[in-house]
Structure formats: structure tokens, C-alpha cells
C-alpha atoms as a PDB file:
ATOM      1  CA  UNK A   1       0.000   0.000   0.000  1.00  0.00           C
ATOM      2  CA  UNK A   2       1.465   3.379  -0.878  1.00  0.00           C
ATOM      3  CA  UNK A   3       2.176   6.155   1.595  1.00  0.00           C
ATOM      4  CA  UNK A   4      -0.513   8.505   0.224  1.00  0.00           C
ATOM      5  CA  UNK A   5      -3.273   5.896   0.577  1.00  0.00           C
ATOM      6  CA  UNK A   6      -2.201   4.944   4.095  1.00  0.00           C
ATOM      7  CA  UNK A   7      -2.074   8.598   5.158  1.00  0.00           C
ATOM      8  CA  UNK A   8      -5.423   9.393   3.505  1.00  0.00           C
ATOM      9  CA  UNK A   9      -7.017   6.415   5.264  1.00  0.00           C
ATOM     10  CA  UNK A  10      -5.780   7.575   8.684  1.00  0.00           C
ATOM     11  CA  UNK A  11      -6.913  11.159   7.919  1.00  0.00           C
ATOM     12  CA  UNK A  12     -10.368   9.833   6.998  1.00  0.00           C
ATOM     13  CA  UNK A  13     -10.570   7.926  10.305  1.00  0.00           C
ATOM     14  CA  UNK A  14      -9.758  11.133  12.235  1.00  0.00           C
ATOM     15  CA  UNK A  15     -12.346  13.087  10.236  1.00  0.00           C
ATOM     16  CA  UNK A  16     -15.006  10.414  10.768  1.00  0.00           C
ATOM     17  CA  UNK A  17     -14.289  10.562  14.503  1.00  0.00           C
ATOM     18  CA  UNK A  18     -15.044  14.328  14.513  1.00  0.00           C
ATOM     19  CA  UNK A  19     -18.255  13.717  12.573  1.00  0.00           C
ATOM     20  CA  UNK A  20     -19.339  10.852  14.855  1.00  0.00           C
ATOM     21  CA  UNK A  21     -18.816  12.981  17.961  1.00  0.00           C
ATOM     22  CA  UNK A  22     -20.951  15.767  16.493  1.00  0.00           C
ATOM     23  CA  UNK A  23     -23.675  13.415  15.240  1.00  0.00           C
ATOM     24  CA  UNK A  24     -24.399  11.993  18.718  1.00  0.00           C
ATOM     25  CA  UNK A  25     -27.108  14.660  19.074  1.00  0.00           C
ATOM     26  CA  UNK A  26     -28.967  13.557  15.954  1.00  0.00           C
ATOM     27  CA  UNK A  27     -31.131  10.588  15.028  1.00  0.00           C
ATOM     28  CA  UNK A  28     -29.202   9.758  11.847  1.00  0.00           C
ATOM     29  CA  UNK A  29     -25.616   8.985  10.962  1.00  0.00           C
ATOM     30  CA  UNK A  30     -23.154  10.681   8.655  1.00  0.00           C
ATOM     31  CA  UNK A  31     -20.623   8.560   6.809  1.00  0.00           C
ATOM     32  CA  UNK A  32     -17.515   9.897   5.078  1.00  0.00           C
ATOM     33  CA  UNK A  33     -16.411   8.120   1.906  1.00  0.00           C
ATOM     34  CA  UNK A  34     -13.581   8.703  -0.565  1.00  0.00           C
ATOM     35  CA  UNK A  35     -14.381   9.011  -4.260  1.00  0.00           C
ATOM     36  CA  UNK A  36     -11.199   8.625  -6.297  1.00  0.00           C
ATOM     37  CA  UNK A  37     -10.350  11.242  -8.907  1.00  0.00           C
ATOM     38  CA  UNK A  38      -7.474  11.918 -11.261  1.00  0.00           C
ATOM     39  CA  UNK A  39      -5.943  14.905  -9.462  1.00  0.00           C
ATOM     40  CA  UNK A  40      -8.109  15.126  -6.332  1.00  0.00           C
ATOM     41  CA  UNK A  41      -9.735  12.560  -4.115  1.00  0.00           C
ATOM     42  CA  UNK A  42     -13.157  13.771  -3.031  1.00  0.00           C
ATOM     43  CA  UNK A  43     -14.345  13.106   0.511  1.00  0.00           C
ATOM     44  CA  UNK A  44     -18.116  12.793   0.400  1.00  0.00           C
ATOM     45  CA  UNK A  45     -20.457  12.987   3.378  1.00  0.00           C
ATOM     46  CA  UNK A  46     -23.577  10.831   3.216  1.00  0.00           C
ATOM     47  CA  UNK A  47     -26.420  11.272   5.690  1.00  0.00           C
ATOM     48  CA  UNK A  48     -27.856   7.872   6.604  1.00  0.00           C
ATOM     49  CA  UNK A  49     -31.491   8.019   7.767  1.00  0.00           C
ATOM     50  CA  UNK A  50     -33.800   5.160   8.692  1.00  0.00           C
ATOM     51  CA  UNK A  51     -35.953   6.096   5.709  1.00  0.00           C
ATOM     52  CA  UNK A  52     -33.644   5.670   2.672  1.00  0.00           C
ATOM     53  CA  UNK A  53     -35.434   8.312   0.589  1.00  0.00           C
ATOM     54  CA  UNK A  54     -34.218  10.977   3.064  1.00  0.00           C
ATOM     55  CA  UNK A  55     -30.511  10.221   2.544  1.00  0.00           C
ATOM     56  CA  UNK A  56     -28.436  13.066   1.144  1.00  0.00           C
ATOM     57  CA  UNK A  57     -24.876  13.431  -0.080  1.00  0.00           C
ATOM     58  CA  UNK A  58     -22.511  16.402  -0.233  1.00  0.00           C
ATOM     59  CA  UNK A  59     -18.837  17.041  -0.864  1.00  0.00           C
ATOM     60  CA  UNK A  60     -17.068  17.363   2.466  1.00  0.00           C
ATOM     61  CA  UNK A  61     -13.490  18.038   1.269  1.00  0.00           C
ATOM     62  CA  UNK A  62     -10.959  17.436  -1.475  1.00  0.00           C
ATOM     63  CA  UNK A  63      -7.425  16.088  -1.045  1.00  0.00           C
ATOM     64  CA  UNK A  64      -4.774  16.857  -3.655  1.00  0.00           C
ATOM     65  CA  UNK A  65      -3.189  13.533  -4.580  1.00  0.00           C
ATOM     66  CA  UNK A  66       0.058  15.220  -5.667  1.00  0.00           C
ATOM     67  CA  UNK A  67       0.958  17.070  -2.470  1.00  0.00           C
ATOM     68  CA  UNK A  68      -1.628  16.039   0.180  1.00  0.00           C
ATOM     69  CA  UNK A  69      -3.268  19.470   0.524  1.00  0.00           C
ATOM     70  CA  UNK A  70      -6.700  19.515   2.183  1.00  0.00           C
ATOM     71  CA  UNK A  71      -9.128  21.743   0.289  1.00  0.00           C
ATOM     72  CA  UNK A  72     -12.629  23.024   0.973  1.00  0.00           C
ATOM     73  CA  UNK A  73     -15.085  22.252  -1.851  1.00  0.00           C
ATOM     74  CA  UNK A  74     -16.130  25.082  -4.147  1.00  0.00           C
ATOM     75  CA  UNK A  75     -18.736  22.785  -5.659  1.00  0.00           C
ATOM     76  CA  UNK A  76     -19.397  19.128  -6.399  1.00  0.00           C
ATOM     77  CA  UNK A  77     -16.592  18.852  -8.954  1.00  0.00           C
ATOM     78  CA  UNK A  78     -14.086  21.481  -7.893  1.00  0.00           C
ATOM     79  CA  UNK A  79     -12.090  22.440  -4.795  1.00  0.00           C
ATOM     80  CA  UNK A  80     -11.780  26.016  -3.575  1.00  0.00           C
ATOM     81  CA  UNK A  81      -8.404  27.725  -3.768  1.00  0.00           C
ATOM     82  CA  UNK A  82      -5.961  27.717  -0.868  1.00  0.00           C
ATOM     83  CA  UNK A  83      -5.140  24.673   1.215  1.00  0.00           C
ATOM     84  CA  UNK A  84      -6.661  24.345   4.674  1.00  0.00           C
ATOM     85  CA  UNK A  85      -3.967  21.936   5.808  1.00  0.00           C
ATOM     86  CA  UNK A  86      -2.061  18.919   4.569  1.00  0.00           C
ATOM     87  CA  UNK A  87      -2.647  15.252   5.353  1.00  0.00           C
ATOM     88  CA  UNK A  88       1.094  14.767   5.930  1.00  0.00           C
ATOM     89  CA  UNK A  89       1.307  17.486   8.621  1.00  0.00           C
ATOM     90  CA  UNK A  90       1.301  16.638  12.300  1.00  0.00           C
ATOM     91  CA  UNK A  91      -1.366  19.300  12.953  1.00  0.00           C
ATOM     92  CA  UNK A  92      -3.486  18.357   9.928  1.00  0.00           C
ATOM     93  CA  UNK A  93      -6.749  18.573  11.895  1.00  0.00           C
ATOM     94  CA  UNK A  94      -6.140  22.168  13.052  1.00  0.00           C
ATOM     95  CA  UNK A  95      -8.547  23.653  10.486  1.00  0.00           C
ATOM     96  CA  UNK A  96     -10.874  20.678  10.060  1.00  0.00           C
ATOM     97  CA  UNK A  97     -14.165  20.324  11.928  1.00  0.00           C
ATOM     98  CA  UNK A  98     -17.163  18.002  11.789  1.00  0.00           C
ATOM     99  CA  UNK A  99     -18.444  20.014   8.820  1.00  0.00           C
ATOM    100  CA  UNK A 100     -15.196  19.884   6.819  1.00  0.00           C
ATOM    101  CA  UNK A 101     -12.245  22.209   6.207  1.00  0.00           C
ATOM    102  CA  UNK A 102     -12.473  25.721   7.642  1.00  0.00           C
ATOM    103  CA  UNK A 103     -13.263  28.888   5.731  1.00  0.00           C
ATOM    104  CA  UNK A 104     -10.265  31.132   5.011  1.00  0.00           C
ATOM    105  CA  UNK A 105     -11.665  33.806   7.356  1.00  0.00           C
ATOM    106  CA  UNK A 106     -11.302  31.373  10.259  1.00  0.00           C
ATOM    107  CA  UNK A 107      -7.710  30.606   9.308  1.00  0.00           C
ATOM    108  CA  UNK A 108      -6.813  34.293   8.869  1.00  0.00           C
ATOM    109  CA  UNK A 109      -8.375  35.090  12.231  1.00  0.00           C
ATOM    110  CA  UNK A 110      -6.338  32.307  13.861  1.00  0.00           C
ATOM    111  CA  UNK A 111      -3.122  33.852  12.531  1.00  0.00           C
ATOM    112  CA  UNK A 112      -4.226  37.392  13.378  1.00  0.00           C
ATOM    113  CA  UNK A 113      -4.493  38.559   9.782  1.00  0.00           C
END
């Protein structure tokens, strides 16, 4: 197994843990899945309800397969500009919450910009 896949898998486990902690207050589950792409892997969040017709899916994050950057989605097919972290960094979860990567305003505020 290559280093990128192993690191992405452990990142996904950490992200799912954040989501699970948040979802304790709700009557449904949210599952994070990876959809493979050419340049970016897409992390998709699927709401799992007891009634299947209520399930919904959204893009939670993108990960750049070349350098490991974590990106907020701009839309279903495209990441937003500017990395919110990197899966290879020790503090990779600094700007990731149960709802995905942080907005740039949050990051700028953290650094006092």
C-alpha cells in the first residue's frame, strides 16, 4: 500500500471521529467516503437516515493527490483555492471540523491577519 493511501485512510478515520462525535445529538448517521479522482480525491459525506429516501450526499473536502493538501469544496466537482492543511502534517486537523475544512476567514483570524 502506498504512503498517500495509508495517510489518507488515517486522515479519513480522524475526520469520521469528529463527525461521529458531532452526530451523537442527531437521530441519523453521517458517513464519510472517498471518491477517487485523477488529481483530487473527493471526501463525500452521506447522511444515513432510517428512511432511505431521506438520505443526502454532499462534498465534504478534497485532497490533492500530488501534495496532500486539504481543500474546501467550491462545488461538487471542484475544490476552492488555498489549502486548509495537509494530510502529511502533524497538525493536519487544526482547520478541520465536523463540517469539513475551515473557511479562510477562520484561518486568517487564527493567525491574526
